[in-house]
Amino acid sequence: MALVIRDTDHDADAYYRFLVKGADVGAMANIGGAHGKEDRESAQRRGAAYAAKQRPIHMGLQVIGGPEHVAEEIFALATDGDTDSVMLTFPDYLDGLERFAATVLPLLRTSLDIGSEAE
């Protein structure tokens, strides 16, 4: 799951548009082809189709928004989505991890009512 976290949903959408504009669609197609054991040509077609959907920063689930929205989406996956685990990625790893720890994780702890036991 790729998380694009900013202070507000609007700021996150703007940052996401910035990321989409600079995405290396060819590299994504090649990686997708390697994972899917596709030939290069079909991987490039799939990468181009994926980019046309304006989702070319990560080939999995993307959650884009402010801390509240991100926490709600993760909480919903955990409680309603029958999800046992997730792998988190961030477009800018250090910034994203800091934002997640400082703003999203406290909201998740509150939602799950695990504040003191988790520390």
C-alpha atoms as a PDB file:
ATOM      1  CA  MET A   1       0.000   0.000   0.000  1.00  0.00           C
ATOM      2  CA  ALA A   2       1.456   3.348  -1.025  1.00  0.00           C
ATOM      3  CA  LEU A   3       0.624   6.193   1.351  1.00  0.00           C
ATOM      4  CA  VAL A   4       0.716   9.805   0.216  1.00  0.00           C
ATOM      5  CA  ILE A   5       0.217  11.753   3.438  1.00  0.00           C
ATOM      6  CA  ARG A   6       0.100  15.513   3.723  1.00  0.00           C
ATOM      7  CA  ASP A   7      -1.503  17.879   6.219  1.00  0.00           C
ATOM      8  CA  THR A   8      -4.796  17.980   4.305  1.00  0.00           C
ATOM      9  CA  ASP A   9      -6.541  15.942   1.619  1.00  0.00           C
ATOM     10  CA  HIS A  10      -6.102  18.877  -0.771  1.00  0.00           C
ATOM     11  CA  ASP A  11      -2.342  19.057  -0.134  1.00  0.00           C
ATOM     12  CA  ALA A  12      -2.039  15.287  -0.591  1.00  0.00           C
ATOM     13  CA  ASP A  13      -3.923  15.431  -3.907  1.00  0.00           C
ATOM     14  CA  ALA A  14      -1.633  18.222  -5.127  1.00  0.00           C
ATOM     15  CA  TYR A  15       1.480  16.273  -4.121  1.00  0.00           C
ATOM     16  CA  TYR A  16       0.092  13.159  -5.800  1.00  0.00           C
ATOM     17  CA  ARG A  17      -0.468  15.097  -9.058  1.00  0.00           C
ATOM     18  CA  PHE A  18       3.165  16.247  -8.819  1.00  0.00           C
ATOM     19  CA  LEU A  19       4.287  12.616  -8.440  1.00  0.00           C
ATOM     20  CA  VAL A  20       2.138  11.454 -11.352  1.00  0.00           C
ATOM     21  CA  LYS A  21       3.584  14.155 -13.588  1.00  0.00           C
ATOM     22  CA  GLY A  22       7.117  12.901 -12.924  1.00  0.00           C
ATOM     23  CA  ALA A  23       6.428   9.149 -12.906  1.00  0.00           C
ATOM     24  CA  ASP A  24       8.734   6.891 -14.911  1.00  0.00           C
ATOM     25  CA  VAL A  25       6.048   4.845 -16.636  1.00  0.00           C
ATOM     26  CA  GLY A  26       8.568   2.834 -18.653  1.00  0.00           C
ATOM     27  CA  ALA A  27      10.367   1.689 -15.512  1.00  0.00           C
ATOM     28  CA  MET A  28       7.078   0.731 -13.909  1.00  0.00           C
ATOM     29  CA  ALA A  29       6.121  -1.298 -16.968  1.00  0.00           C
ATOM     30  CA  ASN A  30       9.441  -3.124 -16.869  1.00  0.00           C
ATOM     31  CA  ILE A  31       9.081  -3.932 -13.169  1.00  0.00           C
ATOM     32  CA  GLY A  32       5.506  -5.077 -13.685  1.00  0.00           C
ATOM     33  CA  GLY A  33       6.615  -7.264 -16.561  1.00  0.00           C
ATOM     34  CA  ALA A  34       9.350  -8.846 -14.474  1.00  0.00           C
ATOM     35  CA  HIS A  35       6.914  -9.619 -11.688  1.00  0.00           C
ATOM     36  CA  GLY A  36       4.259 -10.907 -14.038  1.00  0.00           C
ATOM     37  CA  LYS A  37       6.709 -12.732 -16.336  1.00  0.00           C
ATOM     38  CA  GLU A  38       5.274 -10.820 -19.266  1.00  0.00           C
ATOM     39  CA  ASP A  39       7.214 -10.012 -22.351  1.00  0.00           C
ATOM     40  CA  ARG A  40       8.509  -6.444 -22.599  1.00  0.00           C
ATOM     41  CA  GLU A  41       5.932  -5.317 -25.170  1.00  0.00           C
ATOM     42  CA  SER A  42       2.862  -6.432 -23.208  1.00  0.00           C
ATOM     43  CA  ALA A  43       4.366  -5.020 -19.985  1.00  0.00           C
ATOM     44  CA  GLN A  44       4.823  -1.659 -21.685  1.00  0.00           C
ATOM     45  CA  ARG A  45       1.217  -1.717 -22.925  1.00  0.00           C
ATOM     46  CA  ARG A  46       0.007  -2.507 -19.415  1.00  0.00           C
ATOM     47  CA  GLY A  47       2.199   0.245 -17.952  1.00  0.00           C
ATOM     48  CA  ALA A  48       0.804   2.762 -20.433  1.00  0.00           C
ATOM     49  CA  ALA A  49      -2.772   1.711 -19.628  1.00  0.00           C
ATOM     50  CA  TYR A  50      -2.023   2.028 -15.928  1.00  0.00           C
ATOM     51  CA  ALA A  51      -0.568   5.507 -16.417  1.00  0.00           C
ATOM     52  CA  ALA A  52      -3.644   6.537 -18.379  1.00  0.00           C
ATOM     53  CA  LYS A  53      -5.669   5.867 -15.224  1.00  0.00           C
ATOM     54  CA  GLN A  54      -3.520   8.467 -13.398  1.00  0.00           C
ATOM     55  CA  ARG A  55      -2.182   5.918 -10.920  1.00  0.00           C
ATOM     56  CA  PRO A  56       1.457   5.556 -11.903  1.00  0.00           C
ATOM     57  CA  ILE A  57       3.254   5.946  -8.582  1.00  0.00           C
ATOM     58  CA  HIS A  58       2.605   2.445  -7.280  1.00  0.00           C
ATOM     59  CA  MET A  59       1.051  -0.650  -8.817  1.00  0.00           C
ATOM     60  CA  GLY A  60      -0.963  -1.515  -5.732  1.00  0.00           C
ATOM     61  CA  LEU A  61      -3.467   0.127  -3.454  1.00  0.00           C
ATOM     62  CA  GLN A  62      -2.825   3.834  -2.974  1.00  0.00           C
ATOM     63  CA  VAL A  63      -4.167   5.906  -0.119  1.00  0.00           C
ATOM     64  CA  ILE A  64      -3.876   9.637  -0.684  1.00  0.00           C
ATOM     65  CA  GLY A  65      -4.957  12.198   1.880  1.00  0.00           C
ATOM     66  CA  GLY A  66      -4.540  13.909   5.180  1.00  0.00           C
ATOM     67  CA  PRO A  67      -3.881  11.923   8.363  1.00  0.00           C
ATOM     68  CA  GLU A  68      -7.570  11.389   9.158  1.00  0.00           C
ATOM     69  CA  HIS A  69      -8.366   9.993   5.712  1.00  0.00           C
ATOM     70  CA  VAL A  70      -5.319   7.711   5.690  1.00  0.00           C
ATOM     71  CA  ALA A  71      -6.126   6.384   9.179  1.00  0.00           C
ATOM     72  CA  GLU A  72      -9.759   5.763   8.175  1.00  0.00           C
ATOM     73  CA  GLU A  73      -8.718   3.801   5.087  1.00  0.00           C
ATOM     74  CA  ILE A  74      -6.233   1.643   6.999  1.00  0.00           C
ATOM     75  CA  PHE A  75      -8.720   1.067   9.810  1.00  0.00           C
ATOM     76  CA  ALA A  76     -11.404   0.061   7.298  1.00  0.00           C
ATOM     77  CA  LEU A  77      -9.057  -2.436   5.659  1.00  0.00           C
ATOM     78  CA  ALA A  78      -8.184  -3.933   9.028  1.00  0.00           C
ATOM     79  CA  THR A  79     -11.755  -4.188  10.292  1.00  0.00           C
ATOM     80  CA  ASP A  80     -13.921  -4.565   7.181  1.00  0.00           C
ATOM     81  CA  GLY A  81     -11.488  -5.770   4.541  1.00  0.00           C
ATOM     82  CA  ASP A  82     -10.400  -9.048   6.111  1.00  0.00           C
ATOM     83  CA  THR A  83      -6.800  -7.829   5.874  1.00  0.00           C
ATOM     84  CA  ASP A  84      -4.237  -9.546   8.058  1.00  0.00           C
ATOM     85  CA  SER A  85      -1.188  -7.493   7.113  1.00  0.00           C
ATOM     86  CA  VAL A  86      -0.058  -4.646   4.917  1.00  0.00           C
ATOM     87  CA  MET A  87       3.236  -3.432   3.553  1.00  0.00           C
ATOM     88  CA  LEU A  88       3.532   0.337   3.626  1.00  0.00           C
ATOM     89  CA  THR A  89       5.496   2.333   1.100  1.00  0.00           C
ATOM     90  CA  PHE A  90       5.967   6.075   0.843  1.00  0.00           C
ATOM     91  CA  PRO A  91       7.034   8.143  -2.204  1.00  0.00           C
ATOM     92  CA  ASP A  92       9.523   9.966   0.036  1.00  0.00           C
ATOM     93  CA  TYR A  93      10.338   7.309   2.614  1.00  0.00           C
ATOM     94  CA  LEU A  94      11.719   9.377   5.493  1.00  0.00           C
ATOM     95  CA  ASP A  95       9.132  12.134   5.209  1.00  0.00           C
ATOM     96  CA  GLY A  96       6.307   9.638   4.789  1.00  0.00           C
ATOM     97  CA  LEU A  97       7.420   7.504   7.709  1.00  0.00           C
ATOM     98  CA  GLU A  98       7.717  10.561   9.952  1.00  0.00           C
ATOM     99  CA  ARG A  99       4.266  11.790   8.928  1.00  0.00           C
ATOM    100  CA  PHE A 100       2.783   8.323   9.460  1.00  0.00           C
ATOM    101  CA  ALA A 101       4.322   7.960  12.921  1.00  0.00           C
ATOM    102  CA  ALA A 102       3.436  11.481  14.059  1.00  0.00           C
ATOM    103  CA  THR A 103      -0.043  11.884  12.588  1.00  0.00           C
ATOM    104  CA  VAL A 104      -1.613   8.616  11.408  1.00  0.00           C
ATOM    105  CA  LEU A 105      -0.418   6.107  13.982  1.00  0.00           C
ATOM    106  CA  PRO A 106      -1.886   8.048  16.947  1.00  0.00           C
ATOM    107  CA  LEU A 107      -5.260   8.102  15.164  1.00  0.00           C
ATOM    108  CA  LEU A 108      -5.091   4.360  14.548  1.00  0.00           C
ATOM    109  CA  ARG A 109      -4.184   3.722  18.170  1.00  0.00           C
ATOM    110  CA  THR A 110      -7.206   5.761  19.257  1.00  0.00           C
ATOM    111  CA  SER A 111      -9.480   3.984  16.778  1.00  0.00           C
ATOM    112  CA  LEU A 112      -8.309   0.606  17.995  1.00  0.00           C
ATOM    113  CA  ASP A 113      -8.190   1.717  21.619  1.00  0.00           C
ATOM    114  CA  ILE A 114      -4.646   0.388  22.023  1.00  0.00           C
ATOM    115  CA  GLY A 115      -2.799   3.555  23.004  1.00  0.00           C
ATOM    116  CA  SER A 116      -1.063   2.425  26.178  1.00  0.00           C
ATOM    117  CA  GLU A 117      -0.564  -1.284  25.421  1.00  0.00           C
ATOM    118  CA  ALA A 118       1.212  -0.602  22.086  1.00  0.00           C
ATOM    119  CA  GLU A 119       3.961   1.491  23.620  1.00  0.00           C
END
